[in-house]
Amino acid sequence: MITFLRKRVVSSAIPLLAVLLGVFLLARLTGDPTSLYLPESATPAQRAEFAAAHGLDQPVWKQLLDYLWGVLHLDFGTSLRTDEPAAEMALRAFPHTLELAVVTVALAVLGAVVVGSWAAYRPNSPADRVSSFLSMTAASVPDFWIAVTGVWIFAVVLGILPTSGVDNGVLSWILPILVLMIRPLGVLTQVVRGAMVSALSAPYVRLARSKGAGSRRVVTHHALRNAAAPALTVAGDLAVSLVNGAVIVETIFGWPGIGKLMIDSILERDFAVLQAAVLLTAVTIFALNIVIDIGYALLDPRVRDFTPV
């Protein structure tokens, strides 16, 4: 297991370096922040002073080396907008995204296990067909369309939910969670149903039934346990996609997470904050992938490499 874990960590280093280089170079393509933060009447001397104060007067390769050196020393620079450390702004916003992702995945997994197991227990029944149709539809609908439609129906027409922000307590959570949960719920329901159908037709399940095991015990103690591996993998991938892809939903609902911070930083050409936010997200995604691989390896020893160190 140690060898397996070490290989996964080493294999994640190259993509992480690619992310560092990519976000640095792409951020510079958004334009020169000097013209955004200084008035049009600013003199050339004032512009040169601003650029020198923030290291923007250096060649791009020198800025890149300074950035990488700072990352190695956990120094991610200072925000052009607020003069705060960029790392602090990213770390302050990230828990909001994690909270949203954790609650969404937990509810999606719970709903998928219930609906998928129920549908698999009675395959090809009307209930199975309805749940399959609804889950496939949910898995296909874009998040941004659901978000805009949800705001229009529940906030504008009915007026029962807030349009954005986090100042309304539990009500502020309902629309973002529902929007983010629909697609994972649809995907996971299909995965759980397929795995449960295979598990319920396996010889060990027939043996358990022949020994007098009840339907509930067959589903929960035998079939569901063996169907957990593919469901775990897909749930982990969906959790990663939620952390990485909540940008649109957070922007639409004004959710103060890492996604909204990225969008604001792009619009404000706040390079340091954008780089810190993307790096934090990338590290979290790589860590989640490693955790998923470990969990899958524990469930299925065939994917492990037990070569001695």
Protein backbone atom coordinates (compact mmCIF):
# COMPACT_ATOMS: atom_id res chain seq x y z
CA MET A 1 0.00 0.00 0.00
CA ILE A 2 2.90 2.38 0.74
CA THR A 3 4.30 1.80 -2.75
CA PHE A 4 0.86 2.34 -4.26
CA LEU A 5 0.42 5.59 -2.33
CA ARG A 6 3.90 6.86 -3.20
CA LYS A 7 3.34 6.24 -6.90
CA ARG A 8 0.06 8.15 -6.82
CA VAL A 9 1.66 11.13 -5.07
CA VAL A 10 4.58 11.22 -7.52
CA SER A 11 2.28 10.89 -10.54
CA SER A 12 0.27 13.87 -9.27
CA ALA A 13 3.32 16.15 -9.11
CA ILE A 14 3.62 16.64 -12.89
CA PRO A 15 -0.05 17.67 -13.42
CA LEU A 16 0.24 20.00 -10.43
CA LEU A 17 3.28 21.69 -11.97
CA ALA A 18 1.38 21.98 -15.25
CA VAL A 19 -1.46 23.70 -13.38
CA LEU A 20 0.99 26.15 -11.82
CA LEU A 21 2.48 27.06 -15.18
CA GLY A 22 -0.88 27.15 -16.96
CA VAL A 23 -2.66 29.45 -14.51
CA PHE A 24 0.36 31.79 -14.38
CA LEU A 25 0.53 32.19 -18.16
CA LEU A 26 -3.24 32.31 -18.75
CA ALA A 27 -3.70 34.93 -16.04
CA ARG A 28 -1.34 37.25 -17.92
CA LEU A 29 -3.50 36.92 -21.04
CA THR A 30 -6.36 38.75 -19.27
CA GLY A 31 -4.51 42.05 -19.67
CA ASP A 32 -2.34 44.50 -17.81
CA PRO A 33 -3.79 45.31 -14.35
CA THR A 34 -2.08 48.69 -14.38
CA SER A 35 -4.74 50.18 -16.66
CA LEU A 36 -7.47 48.74 -14.41
CA TYR A 37 -6.19 49.99 -11.06
CA LEU A 38 -4.94 53.41 -12.16
CA PRO A 39 -7.08 56.20 -13.63
CA GLU A 40 -6.81 57.11 -17.28
CA SER A 41 -5.11 60.36 -16.26
CA ALA A 42 -2.22 58.48 -14.59
CA THR A 43 1.18 59.61 -15.82
CA PRO A 44 3.77 57.20 -17.27
CA ALA A 45 5.78 57.64 -14.09
CA GLN A 46 2.80 56.58 -11.94
CA ARG A 47 2.20 53.55 -14.16
CA ALA A 48 5.86 52.57 -13.97
CA GLU A 49 5.80 52.97 -10.19
CA PHE A 50 2.70 50.75 -9.88
CA ALA A 51 4.21 48.09 -12.13
CA ALA A 52 7.50 48.10 -10.23
CA ALA A 53 5.71 47.87 -6.86
CA HIS A 54 3.94 44.67 -7.94
CA GLY A 55 6.74 43.13 -9.99
CA LEU A 56 4.90 43.65 -13.28
CA ASP A 57 7.85 45.45 -14.84
CA GLN A 58 9.90 42.24 -14.88
CA PRO A 59 10.05 39.85 -17.87
CA VAL A 60 7.47 37.08 -17.77
CA TRP A 61 10.11 34.40 -17.16
CA LYS A 62 11.42 36.35 -14.16
CA GLN A 63 7.89 36.76 -12.79
CA LEU A 64 7.36 33.01 -13.22
CA LEU A 65 10.55 32.13 -11.34
CA ASP A 66 9.63 34.54 -8.54
CA TYR A 67 6.17 32.97 -8.36
CA LEU A 68 7.51 29.40 -8.20
CA TRP A 69 10.07 30.42 -5.58
CA GLY A 70 7.29 32.01 -3.54
CA VAL A 71 5.14 28.87 -3.81
CA LEU A 72 8.02 26.76 -2.51
CA HIS A 73 8.12 29.07 0.52
CA LEU A 74 4.31 29.19 0.85
CA ASP A 75 4.29 32.85 -0.21
CA PHE A 76 1.55 33.39 -2.80
CA GLY A 77 1.76 37.16 -3.05
CA THR A 78 -0.61 39.98 -2.14
CA SER A 79 -3.97 40.92 -3.57
CA LEU A 80 -4.01 43.98 -5.82
CA ARG A 81 -7.56 44.73 -4.71
CA THR A 82 -7.30 44.49 -0.93
CA ASP A 83 -3.57 44.26 -0.10
CA GLU A 84 -4.36 41.07 1.82
CA PRO A 85 -2.22 37.94 1.47
CA ALA A 86 -3.62 35.96 -1.44
CA ALA A 87 -3.39 32.67 0.48
CA GLU A 88 -5.55 34.03 3.30
CA MET A 89 -8.28 35.10 0.86
CA ALA A 90 -8.28 31.69 -0.82
CA LEU A 91 -8.31 29.81 2.49
CA ARG A 92 -11.17 31.99 3.73
CA ALA A 93 -13.31 31.26 0.68
CA PHE A 94 -12.50 27.57 0.26
CA PRO A 95 -14.43 26.21 3.28
CA HIS A 96 -17.67 27.60 1.79
CA THR A 97 -17.07 25.55 -1.36
CA LEU A 98 -16.18 22.44 0.65
CA GLU A 99 -19.30 22.75 2.79
CA LEU A 100 -21.45 22.99 -0.31
CA ALA A 101 -19.71 20.03 -1.96
CA VAL A 102 -19.83 17.78 1.12
CA VAL A 103 -23.52 18.37 1.79
CA THR A 104 -24.37 17.93 -1.89
CA VAL A 105 -22.45 14.66 -2.28
CA ALA A 106 -23.82 13.27 1.00
CA LEU A 107 -27.42 13.93 -0.04
CA ALA A 108 -26.79 12.64 -3.57
CA VAL A 109 -25.25 9.40 -2.27
CA LEU A 110 -28.08 8.85 0.20
CA GLY A 111 -30.74 9.47 -2.43
CA ALA A 112 -28.98 7.34 -5.04
CA VAL A 113 -28.57 4.37 -2.68
CA VAL A 114 -32.26 4.43 -1.77
CA VAL A 115 -33.64 4.97 -5.27
CA GLY A 116 -31.06 2.80 -7.06
CA SER A 117 -31.47 -0.13 -4.67
CA TRP A 118 -35.24 0.12 -4.83
CA ALA A 119 -35.20 0.15 -8.64
CA ALA A 120 -32.72 -2.75 -8.82
CA TYR A 121 -34.80 -4.89 -6.49
CA ARG A 122 -37.66 -4.75 -9.00
CA PRO A 123 -35.93 -4.52 -12.41
CA ASN A 124 -38.03 -3.58 -15.44
CA SER A 125 -40.97 -2.65 -13.21
CA PRO A 126 -42.81 0.65 -13.78
CA ALA A 127 -40.98 2.13 -10.78
CA ASP A 128 -37.64 1.06 -12.25
CA ARG A 129 -38.45 2.60 -15.63
CA VAL A 130 -39.63 5.87 -14.11
CA SER A 131 -36.56 6.17 -11.87
CA SER A 132 -34.25 5.34 -14.78
CA PHE A 133 -35.88 7.97 -16.98
CA LEU A 134 -35.71 10.64 -14.29
CA SER A 135 -32.12 9.80 -13.34
CA MET A 136 -30.93 9.90 -16.96
CA THR A 137 -32.70 13.23 -17.44
CA ALA A 138 -31.13 14.63 -14.27
CA ALA A 139 -27.67 13.48 -15.38
CA SER A 140 -28.05 15.28 -18.71
CA VAL A 141 -29.32 18.72 -17.66
CA PRO A 142 -26.65 21.47 -17.41
CA ASP A 143 -26.12 23.02 -13.98
CA PHE A 144 -26.34 26.61 -15.22
CA TRP A 145 -29.77 25.99 -16.82
CA ILE A 146 -31.09 24.44 -13.61
CA ALA A 147 -29.68 27.35 -11.60
CA VAL A 148 -31.25 30.04 -13.78
CA THR A 149 -34.57 28.18 -13.93
CA GLY A 150 -34.54 27.63 -10.17
CA VAL A 151 -33.92 31.32 -9.48
CA TRP A 152 -36.71 32.31 -11.86
CA ILE A 153 -39.27 29.89 -10.38
CA PHE A 154 -38.52 29.90 -6.64
CA ALA A 155 -37.06 33.38 -6.19
CA VAL A 156 -38.70 35.56 -8.85
CA VAL A 157 -42.12 33.96 -9.48
CA LEU A 158 -42.86 32.34 -6.10
CA GLY A 159 -40.63 34.56 -3.98
CA ILE A 160 -40.01 31.85 -1.37
CA LEU A 161 -36.22 31.58 -1.67
CA PRO A 162 -33.47 34.20 -1.85
CA THR A 163 -31.80 34.82 -5.19
CA SER A 164 -28.25 34.89 -3.83
CA GLY A 165 -26.02 35.35 -0.82
CA VAL A 166 -25.72 33.53 2.51
CA ASP A 167 -27.56 35.96 4.78
CA ASN A 168 -30.84 34.03 4.92
CA GLY A 169 -29.71 31.01 6.91
CA VAL A 170 -30.95 27.62 5.74
CA LEU A 171 -32.95 29.18 2.92
CA SER A 172 -29.71 30.34 1.28
CA TRP A 173 -28.54 26.74 1.01
CA ILE A 174 -31.59 25.23 -0.66
CA LEU A 175 -31.20 26.39 -4.26
CA PRO A 176 -27.39 25.94 -4.53
CA ILE A 177 -27.59 22.43 -3.06
CA LEU A 178 -30.53 21.39 -5.23
CA VAL A 179 -28.85 22.70 -8.37
CA LEU A 180 -25.54 20.98 -7.62
CA MET A 181 -27.21 17.76 -6.44
CA ILE A 182 -29.44 16.97 -9.41
CA ARG A 183 -26.76 15.76 -11.84
CA PRO A 184 -24.73 13.72 -9.28
CA LEU A 185 -27.96 12.16 -8.04
CA GLY A 186 -28.88 11.09 -11.56
CA VAL A 187 -25.44 9.66 -12.33
CA LEU A 188 -25.11 7.85 -9.00
CA THR A 189 -28.61 6.38 -9.22
CA GLN A 190 -27.71 4.77 -12.55
CA VAL A 191 -24.44 3.41 -11.15
CA VAL A 192 -26.03 2.04 -7.97
CA ARG A 193 -28.88 0.46 -9.90
CA GLY A 194 -26.52 -1.27 -12.35
CA ALA A 195 -24.20 -2.53 -9.61
CA MET A 196 -27.12 -3.72 -7.49
CA VAL A 197 -28.74 -5.59 -10.38
CA SER A 198 -25.49 -7.49 -10.91
CA ALA A 199 -25.02 -8.10 -7.19
CA LEU A 200 -28.58 -9.32 -6.60
CA SER A 201 -28.18 -11.93 -9.34
CA ALA A 202 -24.86 -13.21 -8.00
CA PRO A 203 -24.54 -16.76 -6.57
CA TYR A 204 -23.77 -15.60 -3.02
CA VAL A 205 -27.06 -13.67 -2.92
CA ARG A 206 -29.00 -16.71 -4.10
CA LEU A 207 -27.21 -18.74 -1.43
CA ALA A 208 -28.14 -16.20 1.25
CA ARG A 209 -31.77 -16.33 0.17
CA SER A 210 -31.76 -20.12 0.20
CA LYS A 211 -30.58 -19.97 3.83
CA GLY A 212 -33.59 -17.84 4.73
CA ALA A 213 -32.13 -14.33 4.68
CA GLY A 214 -34.80 -11.66 4.40
CA SER A 215 -35.04 -9.18 1.55
CA ARG A 216 -33.75 -6.28 3.64
CA ARG A 217 -30.71 -8.22 4.86
CA VAL A 218 -29.94 -9.45 1.34
CA VAL A 219 -29.93 -5.90 0.02
CA THR A 220 -28.10 -4.15 2.88
CA HIS A 221 -25.65 -6.82 4.07
CA HIS A 222 -24.80 -8.66 0.86
CA ALA A 223 -25.62 -6.87 -2.39
CA LEU A 224 -25.08 -3.27 -1.31
CA ARG A 225 -21.71 -3.96 0.26
CA ASN A 226 -20.39 -5.55 -2.92
CA ALA A 227 -21.87 -2.80 -5.10
CA ALA A 228 -20.09 -0.12 -3.06
CA ALA A 229 -16.81 -0.11 -5.02
CA PRO A 230 -18.08 1.35 -8.32
CA ALA A 231 -20.42 3.69 -6.45
CA LEU A 232 -17.52 4.93 -4.30
CA THR A 233 -15.39 5.64 -7.36
CA VAL A 234 -18.13 7.58 -9.12
CA ALA A 235 -19.09 9.46 -5.93
CA GLY A 236 -15.45 10.49 -5.49
CA ASP A 237 -15.20 11.67 -9.08
CA LEU A 238 -18.41 13.66 -8.64
CA ALA A 239 -17.07 15.23 -5.44
CA VAL A 240 -13.94 16.28 -7.35
CA SER A 241 -16.06 17.75 -10.14
CA LEU A 242 -18.15 19.68 -7.61
CA VAL A 243 -15.06 21.25 -6.06
CA ASN A 244 -13.70 22.04 -9.50
CA GLY A 245 -16.94 22.99 -11.24
CA ALA A 246 -18.92 25.01 -8.71
CA VAL A 247 -17.71 28.22 -10.34
CA ILE A 248 -20.90 28.86 -12.32
CA VAL A 249 -23.28 27.96 -9.51
CA GLU A 250 -21.36 30.04 -6.95
CA THR A 251 -21.34 33.00 -9.32
CA ILE A 252 -25.07 32.76 -10.07
CA PHE A 253 -26.02 32.48 -6.39
CA GLY A 254 -23.38 34.85 -5.04
CA TRP A 255 -21.95 32.05 -2.90
CA PRO A 256 -18.70 33.27 -1.27
CA GLY A 257 -16.69 30.21 -2.29
CA ILE A 258 -13.49 29.60 -4.19
CA GLY A 259 -15.27 29.59 -7.55
CA LYS A 260 -16.69 33.08 -7.12
CA LEU A 261 -13.31 34.25 -5.87
CA MET A 262 -11.71 32.98 -9.09
CA ILE A 263 -14.24 34.80 -11.27
CA ASP A 264 -13.83 38.03 -9.30
CA SER A 265 -10.04 37.73 -9.52
CA ILE A 266 -10.16 37.22 -13.28
CA LEU A 267 -12.39 40.26 -13.76
CA GLU A 268 -10.16 42.35 -11.48
CA ARG A 269 -6.91 40.90 -12.93
CA ASP A 270 -5.85 40.02 -9.40
CA PHE A 271 -3.17 37.57 -10.45
CA ALA A 272 -1.92 36.54 -7.01
CA VAL A 273 -5.38 35.67 -5.69
CA LEU A 274 -6.32 33.80 -8.86
CA GLN A 275 -3.13 31.77 -8.72
CA ALA A 276 -3.60 30.96 -5.03
CA ALA A 277 -7.24 29.95 -5.55
CA VAL A 278 -6.47 27.69 -8.51
CA LEU A 279 -3.49 26.10 -6.75
CA LEU A 280 -5.53 25.40 -3.61
CA THR A 281 -8.29 23.85 -5.71
CA ALA A 282 -5.80 21.74 -7.68
CA VAL A 283 -4.10 20.44 -4.54
CA THR A 284 -7.47 19.54 -3.04
CA ILE A 285 -8.51 17.71 -6.21
CA PHE A 286 -5.27 15.74 -6.32
CA ALA A 287 -5.66 14.87 -2.63
CA LEU A 288 -9.26 13.74 -3.18
CA ASN A 289 -8.19 11.56 -6.10
CA ILE A 290 -5.55 9.89 -3.94
CA VAL A 291 -8.11 9.28 -1.18
CA ILE A 292 -10.49 7.79 -3.76
CA ASP A 293 -7.76 5.52 -5.09
CA ILE A 294 -6.90 4.35 -1.57
CA GLY A 295 -10.55 3.65 -0.80
CA TYR A 296 -10.97 1.72 -4.03
CA ALA A 297 -7.75 -0.20 -3.39
CA LEU A 298 -8.99 -1.18 0.05
CA LEU A 299 -12.25 -2.42 -1.45
CA ASP A 300 -10.59 -4.17 -4.39
CA PRO A 301 -7.06 -5.54 -3.70
CA ARG A 302 -6.57 -6.21 -7.42
CA VAL A 303 -5.79 -2.53 -8.07
CA ARG A 304 -3.03 -2.41 -5.46
CA ASP A 305 0.65 -2.84 -6.16
CA PHE A 306 2.26 -4.85 -3.41
CA THR A 307 5.74 -4.71 -4.86
CA PRO A 308 8.21 -4.49 -1.93
CA VAL A 309 9.80 -1.11 -1.35
